[in-house]
Amino acid sequence: MQHRLFSSRCCNLISALIFGHLSRSACFSSSRLLLRSAGSPRSVLDLKCSAKSFTTLPGMESLAKLGNSASPSWLEQLEADPETEQHAPNRRSREVKSGHYVKVRPTPLPDPKLIIHSENMSKRLGLSSEDVQSEQFVKFFSGEQSLVPELESWCTPYSLSIMGNRYTHNCPFGTGNGYGDGRAISIGEVVVNGERWEMQMKGAGATPFCRGGDGRAVLRSSIREFLASEAMYHLRVPTTRALCLIKSETEKARRPWYSGENRMPSEDHPRLASLPAHERKMYMREIAIKLGEPDIMIREACAITTRVSPSFLRVGHLDLFARRAEVAPSPDGMRQLEQLVAHALFREYPDVAPDAALPIRAKEMLRAAADRFGRLVADWLRVGFCQGNFNADNCLVGGRTMDYGPFGFIDCYDPLFAKWVGSGEHYAFMNQPN
């Protein structure tokens, strides 16, 4: 019953935010209700909605302090794509054959407006509510990176593996060298009060890994990700955090959506009635999958969510460099794989066999990561969460939930509950431990 209340109230809150039916106070009250109905053991979710245009409150001093806290270990410990300068500004799809990152700047949103922020997360970064409401904050976190030059930005390549099977066919080059942060750009890595945080914008514009996409996210999906990640944190589920959500008042993008006009035929339809029962069921399943897909295009407001995590190092990162070391063995390939493994230990598992050689530490890290993944999935089951797309590219080495795309909270118990159209049973709720 708790999960049903959580799911329905979450949907209501999201809808109200999208269509502008909530006032600032109503939004905050709904956020409290949302987490109380879910039985949150943490304090109430600290969300603040902005129902007014951004002000000119002081904010540059705190942003400068954030810049002075910069500690870009990804850039310092790993190697850049050697063709970065050749392809500047790196906003078109291309093969990235070497290196752990490509330096790229966000594409700023025109006419940005702050929609919502997490007061809890902003405080952990040393930012006050006044800072977050400032014009400088809104500009920086909508893509104006030049405001804090100490914070460099980059995107990364990684691979796609599904249930241990390596894929390259979805790569436009057929090699796997075009897959990575297609619309996510890391905008800085900082150490604040002894905590290391990486900030990453989702919807910040095209990168070499955009695979022909526009690099943007829209308000609807951005609100879902913001609310879900903060709710999961307060439900004590390991997760990336959300700092803020900013939308453009003028830029829109076309996205698939549902007309609501498609209807499931009856099994008694003349074309189906003559078929054997098992064939009718097969066709009905196929029709349901087809009708569950978007059938129209609509224009939606563009938005950027800034998510925060100790790292965004994915299993897909390690898998990509393992592939490169295996398929075309070379000193460069093995060196870059070893660098990435050492970096994963530094960022996520510094206490794992610190005095041992790298191969031994790597094996111990694998065991520690397996423990974290096990606890993570157990927490998903505890709160009725179905990730929907838990592949290597959406799986953090640190064992946190990330990338709230096709996800959902189960309403009524169904072991085969899944949130991705055509996902099959392997993404089902009770198959997540597998």
Protein backbone atom coordinates (compact mmCIF):
# COMPACT_ATOMS: atom_id res chain seq x y z
CA MET A 1 0.00 0.00 0.00
CA GLN A 2 2.88 2.36 0.83
CA HIS A 3 4.45 1.83 -2.59
CA ARG A 4 1.10 2.43 -4.31
CA LEU A 5 0.71 5.73 -2.44
CA PHE A 6 4.28 6.68 -3.29
CA SER A 7 3.80 5.89 -6.98
CA SER A 8 0.49 7.72 -7.40
CA ARG A 9 1.54 10.79 -5.40
CA CYS A 10 4.87 10.92 -7.20
CA CYS A 11 3.03 10.91 -10.56
CA ASN A 12 0.63 13.61 -9.33
CA LEU A 13 3.48 15.80 -8.15
CA ILE A 14 5.37 15.34 -11.41
CA SER A 15 2.28 16.19 -13.49
CA ALA A 16 1.60 19.28 -11.43
CA LEU A 17 5.17 20.47 -11.78
CA ILE A 18 5.12 19.93 -15.54
CA PHE A 19 1.92 21.84 -16.14
CA GLY A 20 2.52 24.51 -13.53
CA HIS A 21 -0.37 23.69 -11.19
CA LEU A 22 1.67 23.82 -7.96
CA SER A 23 2.62 26.89 -6.04
CA ARG A 24 5.94 27.02 -4.25
CA SER A 25 4.37 26.13 -0.89
CA ALA A 26 2.20 23.41 -2.42
CA CYS A 27 5.22 21.85 -4.09
CA PHE A 28 7.14 21.76 -0.82
CA SER A 29 4.16 20.27 1.01
CA SER A 30 3.72 17.63 -1.68
CA SER A 31 7.39 16.74 -1.38
CA ARG A 32 6.91 16.14 2.34
CA LEU A 33 3.81 14.05 1.73
CA LEU A 34 5.57 12.07 -0.97
CA LEU A 35 8.28 10.82 1.34
CA ARG A 36 6.12 10.37 4.42
CA SER A 37 3.80 8.11 2.47
CA ALA A 38 6.82 6.09 1.37
CA GLY A 39 7.87 5.55 4.97
CA SER A 40 11.14 7.44 4.65
CA PRO A 41 13.47 6.85 7.60
CA ARG A 42 15.42 10.03 6.82
CA SER A 43 14.42 13.57 7.55
CA VAL A 44 11.91 15.11 5.17
CA LEU A 45 13.24 15.67 1.66
CA ASP A 46 14.69 19.16 1.48
CA LEU A 47 13.38 20.51 -1.80
CA LYS A 48 12.74 24.10 -2.67
CA CYS A 49 10.78 25.16 -5.75
CA SER A 50 11.33 28.49 -7.41
CA ALA A 51 8.09 30.11 -8.53
CA LYS A 52 9.70 33.42 -9.43
CA SER A 53 12.27 34.70 -11.87
CA PHE A 54 15.83 34.47 -10.67
CA THR A 55 17.09 37.34 -8.56
CA THR A 56 20.42 39.08 -8.25
CA LEU A 57 21.25 37.76 -4.78
CA PRO A 58 24.96 37.33 -4.02
CA GLY A 59 26.18 34.02 -5.41
CA MET A 60 29.47 34.59 -7.13
CA GLU A 61 31.47 34.34 -3.90
CA SER A 62 30.18 30.84 -3.17
CA LEU A 63 30.69 29.74 -6.77
CA ALA A 64 34.25 31.03 -6.57
CA LYS A 65 34.72 29.06 -3.36
CA LEU A 66 33.41 25.98 -5.17
CA GLY A 67 35.94 26.65 -7.92
CA ASN A 68 38.73 26.90 -5.37
CA SER A 69 37.69 23.45 -4.11
CA ALA A 70 38.36 21.95 -7.55
CA SER A 71 40.23 18.63 -7.50
CA PRO A 72 39.86 17.11 -11.00
CA SER A 73 41.29 13.66 -10.33
CA TRP A 74 39.71 12.22 -13.51
CA LEU A 75 41.65 14.75 -15.59
CA GLU A 76 44.84 14.48 -13.55
CA GLN A 77 45.09 10.70 -13.27
CA LEU A 78 43.74 9.66 -16.68
CA GLU A 79 44.54 10.38 -20.33
CA ALA A 80 42.79 12.76 -22.72
CA ASP A 81 41.63 11.84 -26.20
CA PRO A 82 44.65 12.80 -28.35
CA GLU A 83 42.34 14.16 -31.09
CA THR A 84 40.46 16.58 -28.84
CA GLU A 85 42.00 19.78 -30.24
CA GLN A 86 41.70 18.54 -33.81
CA HIS A 87 37.92 18.17 -33.46
CA ALA A 88 37.16 21.22 -31.28
CA PRO A 89 34.57 22.15 -30.06
CA ASN A 90 33.74 18.40 -30.02
CA ARG A 91 29.98 18.70 -30.44
CA ARG A 92 29.57 16.28 -33.35
CA SER A 93 29.40 12.50 -33.28
CA ARG A 94 32.74 10.85 -34.04
CA GLU A 95 34.87 7.86 -33.17
CA VAL A 96 36.96 8.31 -30.04
CA LYS A 97 39.60 5.60 -30.31
CA SER A 98 41.81 6.41 -27.34
CA GLY A 99 41.85 8.27 -24.05
CA HIS A 100 39.55 8.34 -21.03
CA TYR A 101 37.88 11.70 -21.70
CA VAL A 102 37.23 14.47 -24.19
CA LYS A 103 37.21 18.06 -22.99
CA VAL A 104 33.98 19.70 -24.09
CA ARG A 105 32.01 22.70 -22.90
CA PRO A 106 28.28 22.63 -22.16
CA THR A 107 25.92 24.33 -24.60
CA PRO A 108 24.14 26.94 -22.43
CA LEU A 109 20.35 26.99 -22.21
CA PRO A 110 18.86 30.25 -23.47
CA ASP A 111 16.63 32.15 -21.03
CA PRO A 112 17.26 29.79 -18.10
CA LYS A 113 14.96 29.54 -15.10
CA LEU A 114 15.54 27.62 -11.86
CA ILE A 115 12.69 25.15 -11.30
CA ILE A 116 13.78 23.18 -8.22
CA HIS A 117 16.86 22.42 -6.14
CA SER A 118 17.86 20.15 -3.28
CA GLU A 119 18.65 22.22 -0.22
CA ASN A 120 20.37 19.25 1.42
CA MET A 121 22.71 18.65 -1.52
CA SER A 122 23.47 22.32 -2.06
CA LYS A 123 24.51 22.68 1.59
CA ARG A 124 26.91 19.75 1.25
CA LEU A 125 28.55 21.67 -1.59
CA GLY A 126 28.76 24.79 0.56
CA LEU A 127 25.95 26.62 -1.25
CA SER A 128 23.16 28.44 0.60
CA SER A 129 19.57 28.84 -0.59
CA GLU A 130 20.42 32.46 -1.42
CA ASP A 131 23.34 31.29 -3.55
CA VAL A 132 21.12 28.87 -5.44
CA GLN A 133 18.54 31.58 -6.18
CA SER A 134 21.18 33.94 -7.56
CA GLU A 135 21.49 34.86 -11.21
CA GLN A 136 25.10 33.64 -11.26
CA PHE A 137 24.15 30.18 -10.00
CA VAL A 138 21.40 29.83 -12.59
CA LYS A 139 23.72 30.91 -15.39
CA PHE A 140 26.52 28.57 -14.36
CA PHE A 141 24.32 25.52 -13.87
CA SER A 142 22.52 26.17 -17.15
CA GLY A 143 25.83 25.85 -19.00
CA GLU A 144 27.73 29.15 -18.67
CA GLN A 145 30.93 27.42 -17.59
CA SER A 146 33.12 30.49 -18.07
CA LEU A 147 31.76 31.94 -14.82
CA VAL A 148 33.93 29.49 -12.84
CA PRO A 149 37.02 28.84 -15.00
CA GLU A 150 38.62 26.64 -12.31
CA LEU A 151 35.97 23.98 -12.97
CA GLU A 152 36.86 22.18 -16.20
CA SER A 153 34.33 20.07 -18.10
CA TRP A 154 34.58 16.77 -19.95
CA CYS A 155 32.68 13.78 -21.29
CA THR A 156 33.74 10.14 -21.35
CA PRO A 157 33.59 7.02 -23.55
CA TYR A 158 32.21 3.73 -22.25
CA SER A 159 30.74 0.53 -23.63
CA LEU A 160 27.38 -1.22 -23.65
CA SER A 161 27.00 -4.73 -22.25
CA ILE A 162 23.65 -6.39 -21.52
CA MET A 163 23.67 -9.34 -19.11
CA GLY A 164 27.38 -9.82 -19.82
CA ASN A 165 26.98 -9.77 -23.61
CA ARG A 166 29.02 -7.07 -25.33
CA TYR A 167 27.23 -4.96 -27.96
CA THR A 168 28.52 -2.72 -30.75
CA HIS A 169 25.65 -2.72 -33.26
CA ASN A 170 24.06 0.38 -31.71
CA CYS A 171 27.31 2.29 -32.26
CA PRO A 172 27.14 4.34 -35.50
CA PHE A 173 30.64 3.14 -36.40
CA GLY A 174 30.04 -0.51 -35.56
CA THR A 175 33.11 -0.53 -33.31
CA GLY A 176 31.85 0.66 -29.94
CA ASN A 177 34.04 3.77 -30.18
CA GLY A 178 31.05 6.08 -30.52
CA TYR A 179 29.32 5.18 -27.28
CA GLY A 180 29.58 7.28 -24.12
CA ASP A 181 28.27 10.48 -22.53
CA GLY A 182 26.00 11.59 -25.37
CA ARG A 183 24.24 14.37 -23.45
CA ALA A 184 25.97 14.29 -20.05
CA ILE A 185 28.94 16.55 -19.33
CA SER A 186 30.88 16.54 -16.07
CA ILE A 187 31.38 20.16 -15.02
CA GLY A 188 33.78 19.73 -12.15
CA GLU A 189 35.12 17.60 -9.37
CA VAL A 190 35.43 19.23 -5.94
CA VAL A 191 36.39 18.34 -2.39
CA VAL A 192 34.15 20.11 0.15
CA ASN A 193 34.46 19.39 3.88
CA GLY A 194 36.47 16.26 3.14
CA GLU A 195 33.89 14.86 0.68
CA ARG A 196 34.73 14.39 -2.99
CA TRP A 197 31.90 15.19 -5.39
CA GLU A 198 31.64 15.14 -9.16
CA MET A 199 28.99 17.37 -10.72
CA GLN A 200 27.49 16.30 -14.03
CA MET A 201 24.94 18.06 -16.21
CA LYS A 202 22.40 15.93 -18.06
CA GLY A 203 21.03 17.66 -21.15
CA ALA A 204 24.03 19.98 -21.50
CA GLY A 205 24.32 19.65 -25.28
CA ALA A 206 25.92 17.43 -27.90
CA THR A 207 29.25 15.65 -27.43
CA PRO A 208 31.31 13.29 -29.63
CA PHE A 209 29.16 10.47 -28.19
CA CYS A 210 25.75 11.98 -29.06
CA ARG A 211 25.25 9.50 -31.95
CA GLY A 212 23.33 12.08 -33.94
CA GLY A 213 21.17 13.27 -31.03
CA ASP A 214 20.71 16.89 -29.99
CA GLY A 215 22.30 16.40 -26.57
CA ARG A 216 19.32 17.87 -24.78
CA ALA A 217 16.97 16.58 -22.08
CA VAL A 218 13.42 17.85 -21.64
CA LEU A 219 11.60 19.11 -18.57
CA ARG A 220 9.31 16.10 -18.21
CA SER A 221 12.07 13.48 -17.94
CA SER A 222 14.31 15.84 -15.96
CA ILE A 223 11.68 16.29 -13.23
CA ARG A 224 11.27 12.53 -12.98
CA GLU A 225 15.01 12.04 -12.53
CA PHE A 226 15.33 14.85 -10.01
CA LEU A 227 12.49 13.67 -7.78
CA ALA A 228 13.38 9.98 -8.03
CA SER A 229 17.06 10.40 -7.18
CA GLU A 230 16.36 12.60 -4.16
CA ALA A 231 13.54 10.32 -2.99
CA MET A 232 15.80 7.28 -3.25
CA TYR A 233 18.45 9.05 -1.17
CA HIS A 234 15.95 9.74 1.60
CA LEU A 235 14.73 6.14 1.39
CA ARG A 236 18.35 5.16 2.18
CA VAL A 237 18.99 3.60 -1.22
CA PRO A 238 22.49 4.26 -2.65
CA THR A 239 21.99 6.74 -5.49
CA THR A 240 23.35 9.70 -7.37
CA ARG A 241 21.98 12.99 -6.04
CA ALA A 242 20.29 15.91 -7.79
CA LEU A 243 21.50 19.44 -7.10
CA CYS A 244 19.23 21.52 -9.32
CA LEU A 245 16.94 21.53 -12.32
CA ILE A 246 16.95 24.46 -14.73
CA LYS A 247 14.76 24.82 -17.80
CA SER A 248 14.87 27.09 -20.83
CA GLU A 249 11.96 29.48 -21.29
CA THR A 250 12.49 29.47 -25.08
CA GLU A 251 14.38 26.38 -26.34
CA LYS A 252 12.28 23.32 -27.15
CA ALA A 253 13.06 19.87 -28.53
CA ARG A 254 10.92 17.34 -30.36
CA ARG A 255 10.38 14.09 -28.49
CA PRO A 256 8.24 10.96 -29.03
CA TRP A 257 4.99 10.79 -27.07
CA TYR A 258 1.65 9.01 -26.95
CA SER A 259 -1.52 10.11 -28.75
CA GLY A 260 -3.76 7.99 -26.52
CA GLU A 261 -5.71 6.92 -29.59
CA ASN A 262 -4.32 3.38 -29.88
CA ARG A 263 -6.63 0.68 -28.57
CA MET A 264 -5.99 -2.99 -27.92
CA PRO A 265 -8.12 -5.24 -30.14
CA SER A 266 -10.23 -7.96 -28.57
CA GLU A 267 -9.09 -11.56 -28.77
CA ASP A 268 -12.44 -12.13 -30.48
CA HIS A 269 -11.44 -9.91 -33.39
CA PRO A 270 -12.29 -11.71 -36.67
CA ARG A 271 -8.63 -11.80 -37.71
CA LEU A 272 -7.63 -13.48 -34.45
CA ALA A 273 -10.65 -15.64 -33.68
CA SER A 274 -9.67 -18.35 -36.15
CA LEU A 275 -6.17 -18.77 -34.68
CA PRO A 276 -5.24 -21.36 -32.05
CA ALA A 277 -5.28 -20.01 -28.48
CA HIS A 278 -1.48 -20.00 -28.08
CA GLU A 279 -1.03 -18.04 -31.33
CA ARG A 280 -3.69 -15.52 -30.29
CA LYS A 281 -1.83 -14.87 -27.03
CA MET A 282 1.45 -14.46 -28.89
CA TYR A 283 -0.08 -11.92 -31.27
CA MET A 284 -1.77 -10.07 -28.41
CA ARG A 285 1.59 -9.73 -26.62
CA GLU A 286 3.21 -8.37 -29.79
CA ILE A 287 0.35 -5.94 -30.35
CA ALA A 288 0.57 -4.74 -26.73
CA ILE A 289 4.29 -4.05 -27.14
CA LYS A 290 3.70 -2.17 -30.38
CA LEU A 291 0.85 -0.09 -28.96
CA GLY A 292 2.95 0.73 -25.91
CA GLU A 293 5.44 2.64 -28.05
CA PRO A 294 5.16 6.41 -28.70
CA ASP A 295 3.28 7.26 -31.88
CA ILE A 296 3.52 11.06 -32.16
CA MET A 297 6.16 13.80 -31.80
CA ILE A 298 5.66 16.78 -29.49
CA ARG A 299 7.71 19.87 -28.62
CA GLU A 300 8.90 20.08 -25.02
CA ALA A 301 10.91 22.58 -23.00
CA CYS A 302 14.63 21.78 -22.75
CA ALA A 303 16.14 21.42 -19.29
CA ILE A 304 19.38 20.53 -17.51
CA THR A 305 19.55 18.49 -14.32
CA THR A 306 22.83 18.68 -12.43
CA ARG A 307 23.42 15.38 -10.69
CA VAL A 308 26.11 14.80 -8.10
CA SER A 309 28.00 11.69 -7.00
CA PRO A 310 31.37 10.72 -5.50
CA SER A 311 32.06 9.48 -9.04
CA PHE A 312 30.25 8.58 -12.24
CA LEU A 313 32.66 5.75 -13.03
CA ARG A 314 30.61 3.06 -14.74
CA VAL A 315 31.18 -0.64 -15.25
CA GLY A 316 30.97 0.29 -18.93
CA HIS A 317 34.11 2.42 -18.56
CA LEU A 318 36.13 -0.56 -17.34
CA ASP A 319 34.54 -2.83 -19.94
CA LEU A 320 35.48 -0.51 -22.82
CA PHE A 321 39.15 -0.38 -21.88
CA ALA A 322 39.22 -4.11 -21.16
CA ARG A 323 37.91 -4.66 -24.70
CA ARG A 324 40.56 -2.40 -26.16
CA ALA A 325 43.29 -4.19 -24.25
CA GLU A 326 41.96 -7.59 -25.39
CA VAL A 327 41.03 -6.98 -29.02
CA ALA A 328 44.13 -5.06 -30.08
CA PRO A 329 46.77 -5.72 -27.43
CA SER A 330 49.15 -2.79 -27.16
CA PRO A 331 51.13 -0.99 -24.46
CA ASP A 332 48.70 1.95 -24.72
CA GLY A 333 45.61 -0.22 -24.28
CA MET A 334 46.91 -2.05 -21.24
CA ARG A 335 48.29 1.15 -19.70
CA GLN A 336 44.95 2.95 -20.02
CA LEU A 337 43.11 -0.03 -18.52
CA GLU A 338 45.50 -0.13 -15.55
CA GLN A 339 45.14 3.63 -15.09
CA LEU A 340 41.37 3.32 -14.98
CA VAL A 341 41.44 0.44 -12.49
CA ALA A 342 43.78 2.44 -10.25
CA HIS A 343 41.47 5.44 -10.55
CA ALA A 344 38.44 3.33 -9.61
CA LEU A 345 40.28 2.22 -6.49
CA PHE A 346 41.18 5.83 -5.67
CA ARG A 347 37.64 7.13 -6.14
CA GLU A 348 35.51 4.29 -4.80
CA TYR A 349 37.58 1.69 -2.93
CA PRO A 350 40.61 3.43 -1.37
CA ASP A 351 40.62 1.09 1.64
CA VAL A 352 40.78 -2.11 -0.42
CA ALA A 353 44.21 -3.74 0.10
CA PRO A 354 45.97 -0.35 -0.09
CA ASP A 355 49.48 -1.79 0.15
CA ALA A 356 49.01 -4.64 -2.35
CA ALA A 357 49.99 -4.74 -6.02
CA LEU A 358 47.42 -3.52 -8.55
CA PRO A 359 46.32 -7.01 -9.79
CA ILE A 360 45.57 -8.09 -6.21
CA ARG A 361 43.77 -4.83 -5.44
CA ALA A 362 41.70 -5.24 -8.62
CA LYS A 363 40.50 -8.69 -7.52
CA GLU A 364 39.63 -7.40 -4.05
CA MET A 365 37.79 -4.45 -5.61
CA LEU A 366 35.72 -6.91 -7.65
CA ARG A 367 34.65 -8.68 -4.45
CA ALA A 368 33.86 -5.40 -2.71
CA ALA A 369 31.87 -4.16 -5.71
CA ALA A 370 29.86 -7.40 -5.80
CA ASP A 371 28.92 -6.82 -2.15
CA ARG A 372 27.80 -3.27 -2.91
CA PHE A 373 25.76 -4.37 -5.92
CA GLY A 374 24.09 -7.04 -3.79
CA ARG A 375 23.12 -4.51 -1.13
CA LEU A 376 21.96 -2.07 -3.81
CA VAL A 377 19.59 -4.55 -5.44
CA ALA A 378 18.30 -5.65 -2.03
CA ASP A 379 17.44 -2.01 -1.34
CA TRP A 380 15.63 -1.80 -4.68
CA LEU A 381 13.48 -4.76 -3.69
CA ARG A 382 12.91 -3.27 -0.23
CA VAL A 383 11.34 -0.09 -1.63
CA GLY A 384 9.67 -1.70 -4.67
CA PHE A 385 11.95 -0.06 -7.25
CA CYS A 386 12.46 -1.48 -10.74
CA GLN A 387 15.46 0.04 -12.54
CA GLY A 388 14.39 -1.11 -15.98
CA ASN A 389 17.72 -0.76 -17.79
CA PHE A 390 20.51 -2.05 -15.55
CA ASN A 391 23.22 -2.55 -18.17
CA ALA A 392 26.96 -1.89 -17.91
CA ASP A 393 26.50 1.69 -19.12
CA ASN A 394 23.98 2.43 -16.34
CA CYS A 395 25.84 0.64 -13.55
CA LEU A 396 28.23 2.62 -11.35
CA VAL A 397 31.34 0.88 -10.03
CA GLY A 398 30.55 2.41 -6.64
CA GLY A 399 27.22 0.56 -6.43
CA ARG A 400 24.77 3.46 -6.69
CA THR A 401 21.52 3.86 -8.60
CA MET A 402 21.88 6.17 -11.58
CA ASP A 403 20.20 7.22 -14.82
CA TYR A 404 16.51 7.30 -13.97
CA GLY A 405 15.19 6.63 -17.47
CA PRO A 406 12.85 3.64 -17.70
CA PHE A 407 12.16 3.08 -13.99
CA GLY A 408 9.16 2.67 -11.74
CA PHE A 409 7.91 1.81 -8.27
CA ILE A 410 5.79 -1.31 -8.17
CA ASP A 411 2.10 -0.69 -7.39
CA CYS A 412 0.84 -4.23 -6.83
CA TYR A 413 3.30 -7.07 -6.39
CA ASP A 414 4.16 -8.73 -9.68
CA PRO A 415 7.52 -10.52 -9.98
CA LEU A 416 7.54 -9.75 -13.73
CA PHE A 417 6.78 -6.04 -13.31
CA ALA A 418 8.94 -4.06 -15.78
CA LYS A 419 9.00 -0.45 -16.95
CA TRP A 420 10.57 -0.62 -20.39
CA VAL A 421 8.33 -1.37 -23.38
CA GLY A 422 9.53 -4.61 -24.93
CA SER A 423 12.06 -5.20 -22.16
CA GLY A 424 11.19 -8.85 -21.73
CA GLU A 425 11.45 -10.68 -18.44
CA HIS A 426 15.18 -10.11 -17.90
CA TYR A 427 14.51 -6.54 -16.65
CA ALA A 428 11.61 -7.64 -14.45
CA PHE A 429 11.38 -6.65 -10.77
CA MET A 430 12.32 -10.00 -9.22
CA ASN A 431 14.93 -10.76 -11.88
CA GLN A 432 17.01 -7.78 -10.75
CA PRO A 433 19.12 -9.91 -8.36
CA ASN A 434 20.12 -12.05 -11.36
